[in-house]
Amino acid sequence: MKDAPRQHFRSAAHVSGAASAKPKDYEAAAEIVADATAAGIACSDLGIAGGDRMVVAGLVDLGVHEATQRWRSVLPEALGH
């Protein structure tokens, strides 16, 4: 990130919750970890995205189509639509 947006983000006290970074946002994972650590933000590298399945060892093993369908249906189902 450029210095100005990075400073704005760090000073945004109301910002909370999870965030993700994509390769186009940063040059390397090490920079993400360094920036997060410097800002006092917990950071975890969850792995690499690619292929035709969404796999989280021991938790999830779905085809991309099925994972997308489940993601799109959760909120409407919870709201009874």
Protein backbone atom coordinates (compact mmCIF):
# COMPACT_ATOMS: atom_id res chain seq x y z
CA MET A 1 0.00 0.00 0.00
CA LYS A 2 1.07 3.55 -0.48
CA ASP A 3 2.03 5.45 2.67
CA ALA A 4 -1.00 7.77 2.69
CA PRO A 5 -3.67 4.98 2.61
CA ARG A 6 -1.64 2.91 5.08
CA GLN A 7 -1.52 5.80 7.55
CA HIS A 8 -5.25 6.45 7.08
CA PHE A 9 -6.03 2.79 7.78
CA ARG A 10 -3.85 2.68 10.88
CA SER A 11 -5.51 5.78 12.32
CA ALA A 12 -9.04 4.52 11.66
CA ALA A 13 -9.92 3.43 15.19
CA HIS A 14 -13.43 2.38 14.14
CA VAL A 15 -12.08 -0.27 11.74
CA SER A 16 -12.33 -3.80 13.12
CA GLY A 17 -12.96 -7.34 11.97
CA ALA A 18 -11.38 -9.61 9.43
CA ALA A 19 -9.70 -8.43 6.27
CA SER A 20 -8.00 -10.17 3.39
CA ALA A 21 -5.18 -9.16 1.11
CA LYS A 22 -4.82 -10.30 -2.48
CA PRO A 23 -1.56 -10.61 -4.43
CA LYS A 24 -2.42 -7.48 -6.42
CA ASP A 25 -2.59 -5.53 -3.13
CA TYR A 26 0.92 -6.47 -1.99
CA GLU A 27 4.12 -7.65 -3.59
CA ALA A 28 4.73 -10.48 -1.09
CA ALA A 29 3.25 -12.15 1.99
CA ALA A 30 6.18 -10.93 4.11
CA GLU A 31 5.12 -7.33 3.49
CA ILE A 32 1.57 -8.10 4.64
CA VAL A 33 2.85 -9.65 7.87
CA ALA A 34 5.27 -6.77 8.48
CA ASP A 35 2.59 -4.11 7.90
CA ALA A 36 0.07 -5.92 10.11
CA THR A 37 2.60 -6.41 12.90
CA ALA A 38 3.67 -2.76 12.73
CA ALA A 39 0.01 -1.72 13.02
CA GLY A 40 -0.63 -4.08 15.94
CA ILE A 41 -2.93 -6.30 13.89
CA ALA A 42 -2.95 -10.08 14.30
CA CYS A 43 -2.13 -11.74 10.98
CA SER A 44 -2.27 -15.34 9.73
CA ASP A 45 -1.22 -16.77 6.39
CA LEU A 46 -4.05 -19.13 5.46
CA GLY A 47 -2.45 -20.60 2.35
CA ILE A 48 -2.66 -20.39 -1.41
CA ALA A 49 -5.76 -19.98 -3.56
CA GLY A 50 -6.04 -22.00 -6.75
CA GLY A 51 -7.53 -25.10 -8.32
CA ASP A 52 -11.13 -26.31 -8.46
CA ARG A 53 -11.71 -27.17 -4.77
CA MET A 54 -11.92 -25.26 -1.51
CA VAL A 55 -10.03 -27.32 1.06
CA VAL A 56 -9.35 -26.50 4.71
CA ALA A 57 -7.70 -29.60 6.15
CA GLY A 58 -10.11 -31.46 8.41
CA LEU A 59 -12.87 -28.84 8.04
CA VAL A 60 -13.95 -28.22 4.45
CA ASP A 61 -13.51 -30.03 1.15
CA LEU A 62 -15.89 -28.68 -1.49
CA GLY A 63 -15.83 -28.05 -5.21
CA VAL A 64 -15.68 -24.35 -6.06
CA HIS A 65 -19.21 -24.44 -7.53
CA GLU A 66 -20.68 -26.03 -4.37
CA ALA A 67 -18.76 -23.64 -2.10
CA THR A 68 -20.07 -20.67 -4.13
CA GLN A 69 -23.66 -21.95 -3.98
CA ARG A 70 -23.44 -22.43 -0.21
CA TRP A 71 -21.92 -18.97 0.27
CA ARG A 72 -24.69 -17.35 -1.79
CA SER A 73 -27.50 -19.22 -0.04
CA VAL A 74 -26.58 -18.79 3.64
CA LEU A 75 -28.00 -15.31 4.27
CA PRO A 76 -31.23 -15.79 2.24
CA GLU A 77 -31.85 -19.11 4.01
CA ALA A 78 -31.19 -17.56 7.43
CA LEU A 79 -33.68 -14.79 6.61
CA GLY A 80 -36.28 -17.24 5.32
CA HIS A 81 -36.15 -16.14 1.67
